[in-house]
PDB file of N, CA and C in Angstrom:
ATOM      1  N   UNK A   1      22.455 -11.590   0.636  1.00  0.00           N
ATOM      2  CA  UNK A   1      21.243 -11.809   1.373  1.00  0.00           C
ATOM      3  C   UNK A   1      20.312 -10.605   1.149  1.00  0.00           C
ATOM      4  N   UNK A   2      19.061 -10.896   0.794  1.00  0.00           N
ATOM      5  CA  UNK A   2      18.087  -9.833   0.533  1.00  0.00           C
ATOM      6  C   UNK A   2      17.514  -9.314   1.841  1.00  0.00           C
ATOM      7  N   UNK A   3      17.230  -8.036   1.870  1.00  0.00           N
ATOM      8  CA  UNK A   3      16.631  -7.415   3.045  1.00  0.00           C
ATOM      9  C   UNK A   3      15.120  -7.584   3.046  1.00  0.00           C
ATOM     10  N   UNK A   4      14.461  -6.890   3.944  1.00  0.00           N
ATOM     11  CA  UNK A   4      13.005  -7.003   4.040  1.00  0.00           C
ATOM     12  C   UNK A   4      12.301  -6.357   2.842  1.00  0.00           C
ATOM     13  N   UNK A   5      11.111  -6.860   2.552  1.00  0.00           N
ATOM     14  CA  UNK A   5      10.305  -6.355   1.448  1.00  0.00           C
ATOM     15  C   UNK A   5       8.937  -5.973   2.003  1.00  0.00           C
ATOM     16  N   UNK A   6       8.422  -4.830   1.583  1.00  0.00           N
ATOM     17  CA  UNK A   6       7.101  -4.393   2.021  1.00  0.00           C
ATOM     18  C   UNK A   6       6.060  -4.930   1.050  1.00  0.00           C
ATOM     19  N   UNK A   7       5.176  -5.788   1.536  1.00  0.00           N
ATOM     20  CA  UNK A   7       4.086  -6.347   0.731  1.00  0.00           C
ATOM     21  C   UNK A   7       2.799  -5.622   1.094  1.00  0.00           C
ATOM     22  N   UNK A   8       1.809  -5.672   0.196  1.00  0.00           N
ATOM     23  CA  UNK A   8       0.540  -5.027   0.503  1.00  0.00           C
ATOM     24  C   UNK A   8      -0.632  -5.809  -0.062  1.00  0.00           C
ATOM     25  N   UNK A   9      -1.805  -5.514   0.465  1.00  0.00           N
ATOM     26  CA  UNK A   9      -3.043  -6.146   0.020  1.00  0.00           C
ATOM     27  C   UNK A   9      -3.992  -5.107  -0.580  1.00  0.00           C
ATOM     28  N   UNK A  10      -3.441  -4.034  -1.113  1.00  0.00           N
ATOM     29  CA  UNK A  10      -4.262  -2.948  -1.642  1.00  0.00           C
ATOM     30  C   UNK A  10      -5.199  -3.440  -2.730  1.00  0.00           C
ATOM     31  N   UNK A  11      -4.673  -4.164  -3.689  1.00  0.00           N
ATOM     32  CA  UNK A  11      -5.491  -4.621  -4.826  1.00  0.00           C
ATOM     33  C   UNK A  11      -6.680  -5.448  -4.354  1.00  0.00           C
ATOM     34  N   UNK A  12      -6.443  -6.412  -3.489  1.00  0.00           N
ATOM     35  CA  UNK A  12      -7.523  -7.267  -2.971  1.00  0.00           C
ATOM     36  C   UNK A  12      -8.557  -6.436  -2.214  1.00  0.00           C
ATOM     37  N   UNK A  13      -8.075  -5.556  -1.344  1.00  0.00           N
ATOM     38  CA  UNK A  13      -8.994  -4.736  -0.553  1.00  0.00           C
ATOM     39  C   UNK A  13      -9.800  -3.791  -1.445  1.00  0.00           C
ATOM     40  N   UNK A  14      -9.169  -3.247  -2.480  1.00  0.00           N
ATOM     41  CA  UNK A  14      -9.890  -2.391  -3.429  1.00  0.00           C
ATOM     42  C   UNK A  14     -10.999  -3.166  -4.115  1.00  0.00           C
ATOM     43  N   UNK A  15     -10.653  -4.364  -4.620  1.00  0.00           N
ATOM     44  CA  UNK A  15     -11.650  -5.191  -5.306  1.00  0.00           C
ATOM     45  C   UNK A  15     -12.797  -5.557  -4.371  1.00  0.00           C
ATOM     46  N   UNK A  16     -12.465  -5.898  -3.134  1.00  0.00           N
ATOM     47  CA  UNK A  16     -13.504  -6.247  -2.152  1.00  0.00           C
ATOM     48  C   UNK A  16     -14.490  -5.100  -1.946  1.00  0.00           C
ATOM     49  N   UNK A  17     -14.020  -3.874  -2.135  1.00  0.00           N
ATOM     50  CA  UNK A  17     -14.857  -2.690  -1.918  1.00  0.00           C
ATOM     51  C   UNK A  17     -15.393  -2.096  -3.218  1.00  0.00           C
ATOM     52  N   UNK A  18     -15.062  -2.720  -4.339  1.00  0.00           N
ATOM     53  CA  UNK A  18     -15.510  -2.207  -5.634  1.00  0.00           C
ATOM     54  C   UNK A  18     -14.908  -0.853  -5.970  1.00  0.00           C
ATOM     55  N   UNK A  19     -13.680  -0.636  -5.529  1.00  0.00           N
ATOM     56  CA  UNK A  19     -13.008   0.653  -5.696  1.00  0.00           C
ATOM     57  C   UNK A  19     -11.953   0.553  -6.804  1.00  0.00           C
ATOM     58  N   UNK A  20     -11.906   1.563  -7.652  1.00  0.00           N
ATOM     59  CA  UNK A  20     -10.889   1.600  -8.704  1.00  0.00           C
ATOM     60  C   UNK A  20      -9.608   2.247  -8.167  1.00  0.00           C
ATOM     61  N   UNK A  21      -8.524   2.089  -8.921  1.00  0.00           N
ATOM     62  CA  UNK A  21      -7.276   2.767  -8.567  1.00  0.00           C
ATOM     63  C   UNK A  21      -7.486   4.273  -8.586  1.00  0.00           C
ATOM     64  N   UNK A  22      -8.255   4.745  -9.548  1.00  0.00           N
ATOM     65  CA  UNK A  22      -8.525   6.179  -9.667  1.00  0.00           C
ATOM     66  C   UNK A  22      -9.253   6.699  -8.423  1.00  0.00           C
ATOM     67  N   UNK A  23     -10.247   5.964  -7.955  1.00  0.00           N
ATOM     68  CA  UNK A  23     -10.986   6.393  -6.769  1.00  0.00           C
ATOM     69  C   UNK A  23     -10.089   6.417  -5.530  1.00  0.00           C
ATOM     70  N   UNK A  24      -9.256   5.383  -5.370  1.00  0.00           N
ATOM     71  CA  UNK A  24      -8.325   5.361  -4.242  1.00  0.00           C
ATOM     72  C   UNK A  24      -7.339   6.515  -4.344  1.00  0.00           C
ATOM     73  N   UNK A  25      -6.887   6.791  -5.543  1.00  0.00           N
ATOM     74  CA  UNK A  25      -5.964   7.909  -5.757  1.00  0.00           C
ATOM     75  C   UNK A  25      -6.611   9.234  -5.355  1.00  0.00           C
ATOM     76  N   UNK A  26      -7.852   9.443  -5.761  1.00  0.00           N
ATOM     77  CA  UNK A  26      -8.557  10.679  -5.400  1.00  0.00           C
ATOM     78  C   UNK A  26      -8.731  10.793  -3.892  1.00  0.00           C
ATOM     79  N   UNK A  27      -9.035   9.693  -3.243  1.00  0.00           N
ATOM     80  CA  UNK A  27      -9.242   9.709  -1.792  1.00  0.00           C
ATOM     81  C   UNK A  27      -7.954   9.952  -1.008  1.00  0.00           C
ATOM     82  N   UNK A  28      -6.820   9.635  -1.616  1.00  0.00           N
ATOM     83  CA  UNK A  28      -5.544   9.775  -0.908  1.00  0.00           C
ATOM     84  C   UNK A  28      -4.699  10.951  -1.410  1.00  0.00           C
ATOM     85  N   UNK A  29      -5.141  11.598  -2.476  1.00  0.00           N
ATOM     86  CA  UNK A  29      -4.433  12.775  -2.968  1.00  0.00           C
ATOM     87  C   UNK A  29      -3.178  12.483  -3.775  1.00  0.00           C
ATOM     88  N   UNK A  30      -3.131  11.310  -4.408  1.00  0.00           N
ATOM     89  CA  UNK A  30      -1.984  10.966  -5.263  1.00  0.00           C
ATOM     90  C   UNK A  30      -2.510  10.560  -6.636  1.00  0.00           C
ATOM     91  N   UNK A  31      -1.615  10.286  -7.558  1.00  0.00           N
ATOM     92  CA  UNK A  31      -2.030   9.882  -8.903  1.00  0.00           C
ATOM     93  C   UNK A  31      -2.373   8.393  -8.938  1.00  0.00           C
ATOM     94  N   UNK A  32      -3.132   8.024  -9.972  1.00  0.00           N
ATOM     95  CA  UNK A  32      -3.450   6.606 -10.169  1.00  0.00           C
ATOM     96  C   UNK A  32      -2.169   5.813 -10.398  1.00  0.00           C
ATOM     97  N   UNK A  33      -1.197   6.421 -11.081  1.00  0.00           N
ATOM     98  CA  UNK A  33       0.070   5.751 -11.341  1.00  0.00           C
ATOM     99  C   UNK A  33       0.811   5.446 -10.035  1.00  0.00           C
ATOM    100  N   UNK A  34       0.704   6.339  -9.061  1.00  0.00           N
ATOM    101  CA  UNK A  34       1.338   6.089  -7.760  1.00  0.00           C
ATOM    102  C   UNK A  34       0.691   4.893  -7.082  1.00  0.00           C
ATOM    103  N   UNK A  35      -0.640   4.839  -7.084  1.00  0.00           N
ATOM    104  CA  UNK A  35      -1.350   3.699  -6.484  1.00  0.00           C
ATOM    105  C   UNK A  35      -0.952   2.412  -7.194  1.00  0.00           C
ATOM    106  N   UNK A  36      -0.916   2.443  -8.526  1.00  0.00           N
ATOM    107  CA  UNK A  36      -0.535   1.267  -9.301  1.00  0.00           C
ATOM    108  C   UNK A  36       0.878   0.814  -8.945  1.00  0.00           C
ATOM    109  N   UNK A  37       1.799   1.740  -8.820  1.00  0.00           N
ATOM    110  CA  UNK A  37       3.185   1.420  -8.503  1.00  0.00           C
ATOM    111  C   UNK A  37       3.315   0.812  -7.104  1.00  0.00           C
ATOM    112  N   UNK A  38       2.565   1.339  -6.151  1.00  0.00           N
ATOM    113  CA  UNK A  38       2.594   0.789  -4.788  1.00  0.00           C
ATOM    114  C   UNK A  38       1.979  -0.602  -4.774  1.00  0.00           C
ATOM    115  N   UNK A  39       0.835  -0.774  -5.443  1.00  0.00           N
ATOM    116  CA  UNK A  39       0.186  -2.099  -5.519  1.00  0.00           C
ATOM    117  C   UNK A  39       1.135  -3.153  -6.061  1.00  0.00           C
ATOM    118  N   UNK A  40       1.892  -2.799  -7.063  1.00  0.00           N
ATOM    119  CA  UNK A  40       2.812  -3.752  -7.712  1.00  0.00           C
ATOM    120  C   UNK A  40       4.106  -3.964  -6.928  1.00  0.00           C
ATOM    121  N   UNK A  41       4.295  -3.177  -5.874  1.00  0.00           N
ATOM    122  CA  UNK A  41       5.511  -3.322  -5.077  1.00  0.00           C
ATOM    123  C   UNK A  41       6.710  -2.643  -5.694  1.00  0.00           C
ATOM    124  N   UNK A  42       6.492  -1.782  -6.677  1.00  0.00           N
ATOM    125  CA  UNK A  42       7.592  -1.083  -7.333  1.00  0.00           C
ATOM    126  C   UNK A  42       8.023   0.145  -6.540  1.00  0.00           C
ATOM    127  N   UNK A  43       7.102   0.666  -5.714  1.00  0.00           N
ATOM    128  CA  UNK A  43       7.354   1.850  -4.907  1.00  0.00           C
ATOM    129  C   UNK A  43       6.821   1.610  -3.509  1.00  0.00           C
ATOM    130  N   UNK A  44       7.546   2.071  -2.512  1.00  0.00           N
ATOM    131  CA  UNK A  44       7.045   2.022  -1.139  1.00  0.00           C
ATOM    132  C   UNK A  44       6.458   3.388  -0.793  1.00  0.00           C
ATOM    133  N   UNK A  45       5.286   3.389  -0.152  1.00  0.00           N
ATOM    134  CA  UNK A  45       4.678   4.674   0.207  1.00  0.00           C
ATOM    135  C   UNK A  45       5.370   5.298   1.410  1.00  0.00           C
ATOM    136  N   UNK A  46       5.218   6.604   1.538  1.00  0.00           N
ATOM    137  CA  UNK A  46       5.659   7.260   2.771  1.00  0.00           C
ATOM    138  C   UNK A  46       4.759   6.759   3.898  1.00  0.00           C
ATOM    139  N   UNK A  47       5.167   6.989   5.122  1.00  0.00           N
ATOM    140  CA  UNK A  47       4.342   6.581   6.266  1.00  0.00           C
ATOM    141  C   UNK A  47       2.987   7.275   6.199  1.00  0.00           C
ATOM    142  N   UNK A  48       2.986   8.572   5.890  1.00  0.00           N
ATOM    143  CA  UNK A  48       1.728   9.315   5.806  1.00  0.00           C
ATOM    144  C   UNK A  48       0.819   8.740   4.723  1.00  0.00           C
ATOM    145  N   UNK A  49       1.365   8.438   3.555  1.00  0.00           N
ATOM    146  CA  UNK A  49       0.558   7.877   2.481  1.00  0.00           C
ATOM    147  C   UNK A  49       0.050   6.485   2.845  1.00  0.00           C
ATOM    148  N   UNK A  50       0.858   5.696   3.519  1.00  0.00           N
ATOM    149  CA  UNK A  50       0.405   4.367   3.953  1.00  0.00           C
ATOM    150  C   UNK A  50      -0.816   4.502   4.866  1.00  0.00           C
ATOM    151  N   UNK A  51      -0.784   5.465   5.775  1.00  0.00           N
ATOM    152  CA  UNK A  51      -1.934   5.699   6.660  1.00  0.00           C
ATOM    153  C   UNK A  51      -3.142   6.202   5.876  1.00  0.00           C
ATOM    154  N   UNK A  52      -2.932   7.062   4.888  1.00  0.00           N
ATOM    155  CA  UNK A  52      -4.033   7.564   4.072  1.00  0.00           C
ATOM    156  C   UNK A  52      -4.683   6.433   3.279  1.00  0.00           C
ATOM    157  N   UNK A  53      -3.863   5.556   2.713  1.00  0.00           N
ATOM    158  CA  UNK A  53      -4.383   4.416   1.951  1.00  0.00           C
ATOM    159  C   UNK A  53      -5.190   3.507   2.876  1.00  0.00           C
ATOM    160  N   UNK A  54      -4.641   3.200   4.035  1.00  0.00           N
ATOM    161  CA  UNK A  54      -5.350   2.344   4.986  1.00  0.00           C
ATOM    162  C   UNK A  54      -6.682   2.974   5.401  1.00  0.00           C
ATOM    163  N   UNK A  55      -6.685   4.272   5.663  1.00  0.00           N
ATOM    164  CA  UNK A  55      -7.916   4.955   6.062  1.00  0.00           C
ATOM    165  C   UNK A  55      -8.937   4.934   4.931  1.00  0.00           C
ATOM    166  N   UNK A  56      -8.489   5.161   3.695  1.00  0.00           N
ATOM    167  CA  UNK A  56      -9.395   5.149   2.544  1.00  0.00           C
ATOM    168  C   UNK A  56     -10.010   3.768   2.332  1.00  0.00           C
ATOM    169  N   UNK A  57      -9.266   2.726   2.709  1.00  0.00           N
ATOM    170  CA  UNK A  57      -9.757   1.352   2.587  1.00  0.00           C
ATOM    171  C   UNK A  57     -10.459   0.886   3.864  1.00  0.00           C
ATOM    172  N   UNK A  58     -10.517   1.759   4.871  1.00  0.00           N
ATOM    173  CA  UNK A  58     -11.149   1.462   6.157  1.00  0.00           C
ATOM    174  C   UNK A  58     -10.526   0.223   6.819  1.00  0.00           C
ATOM    175  N   UNK A  59      -9.200   0.195   6.813  1.00  0.00           N
ATOM    176  CA  UNK A  59      -8.426  -0.906   7.412  1.00  0.00           C
ATOM    177  C   UNK A  59      -7.270  -0.326   8.211  1.00  0.00           C
ATOM    178  N   UNK A  60      -6.656  -1.167   9.023  1.00  0.00           N
ATOM    179  CA  UNK A  60      -5.457  -0.743   9.742  1.00  0.00           C
ATOM    180  C   UNK A  60      -4.255  -0.806   8.795  1.00  0.00           C
ATOM    181  N   UNK A  61      -3.244  -0.041   9.110  1.00  0.00           N
ATOM    182  CA  UNK A  61      -2.028  -0.038   8.293  1.00  0.00           C
ATOM    183  C   UNK A  61      -1.409  -1.437   8.256  1.00  0.00           C
ATOM    184  N   UNK A  62      -1.458  -2.150   9.372  1.00  0.00           N
ATOM    185  CA  UNK A  62      -0.852  -3.484   9.419  1.00  0.00           C
ATOM    186  C   UNK A  62      -1.657  -4.525   8.649  1.00  0.00           C
ATOM    187  N   UNK A  63      -2.918  -4.234   8.360  1.00  0.00           N
ATOM    188  CA  UNK A  63      -3.702  -5.125   7.499  1.00  0.00           C
ATOM    189  C   UNK A  63      -3.345  -4.883   6.037  1.00  0.00           C
ATOM    190  N   UNK A  64      -3.095  -3.634   5.693  1.00  0.00           N
ATOM    191  CA  UNK A  64      -2.801  -3.266   4.307  1.00  0.00           C
ATOM    192  C   UNK A  64      -1.343  -3.552   3.938  1.00  0.00           C
ATOM    193  N   UNK A  65      -0.420  -3.297   4.864  1.00  0.00           N
ATOM    194  CA  UNK A  65       1.011  -3.458   4.588  1.00  0.00           C
ATOM    195  C   UNK A  65       1.652  -4.442   5.562  1.00  0.00           C
ATOM    196  N   UNK A  66       2.483  -5.344   5.033  1.00  0.00           N
ATOM    197  CA  UNK A  66       3.215  -6.306   5.853  1.00  0.00           C
ATOM    198  C   UNK A  66       4.662  -6.358   5.380  1.00  0.00           C
ATOM    199  N   UNK A  67       5.559  -6.494   6.328  1.00  0.00           N
ATOM    200  CA  UNK A  67       6.974  -6.615   5.982  1.00  0.00           C
ATOM    201  C   UNK A  67       7.346  -8.097   5.967  1.00  0.00           C
ATOM    202  N   UNK A  68       7.955  -8.530   4.872  1.00  0.00           N
ATOM    203  CA  UNK A  68       8.433  -9.908   4.758  1.00  0.00           C
ATOM    204  C   UNK A  68       9.957  -9.890   4.747  1.00  0.00           C
ATOM    205  N   UNK A  69      10.546 -10.807   5.461  1.00  0.00           N
ATOM    206  CA  UNK A  69      11.992 -10.869   5.551  1.00  0.00           C
ATOM    207  C   UNK A  69      12.468 -10.246   6.855  1.00  0.00           C
ATOM    208  N   UNK A  70      13.744 -10.345   7.072  1.00  0.00           N
ATOM    209  CA  UNK A  70      14.332  -9.836   8.317  1.00  0.00           C
ATOM    210  C   UNK A  70      15.203  -8.624   8.064  1.00  0.00           C
ATOM    211  N   UNK A  71      15.243  -7.778   9.058  1.00  0.00           N
ATOM    212  CA  UNK A  71      16.153  -6.653   8.986  1.00  0.00           C
ATOM    213  C   UNK A  71      17.578  -7.159   9.119  1.00  0.00           C
ATOM    214  N   UNK A  72      18.494  -6.541   8.438  1.00  0.00           N
ATOM    215  CA  UNK A  72      19.888  -6.934   8.489  1.00  0.00           C
ATOM    216  C   UNK A  72      20.522  -6.299   9.732  1.00  0.00           C
ATOM    217  N   UNK A  73      21.137  -7.097  10.593  1.00  0.00           N
ATOM    218  CA  UNK A  73      21.770  -6.523  11.779  1.00  0.00           C
ATOM    219  C   UNK A  73      22.927  -5.596  11.401  1.00  0.00           C
ATOM    220  N   UNK A  74      23.129  -4.567  12.194  1.00  0.00           N
ATOM    221  CA  UNK A  74      24.185  -3.607  11.908  1.00  0.00           C
ATOM    222  C   UNK A  74      25.418  -3.910  12.706  1.00  0.00           C
TER     223      UNK A  74
END
């Protein structure tokens, strides 16, 4: 059984604002490759970076990131 997956709307929100990956990277203090990796779901951001990305996109963290699936009970 697969666990939860963190999904995001970074790409859509960037396009809506006419923002490049490079510009988002500069605004959040990370590399363009990091933004690309997070957009593709290959990497999950730290909590701090998730907040920085949301702030740079002028959205709430819960608008930018959503968890799909259920946590596995312990």
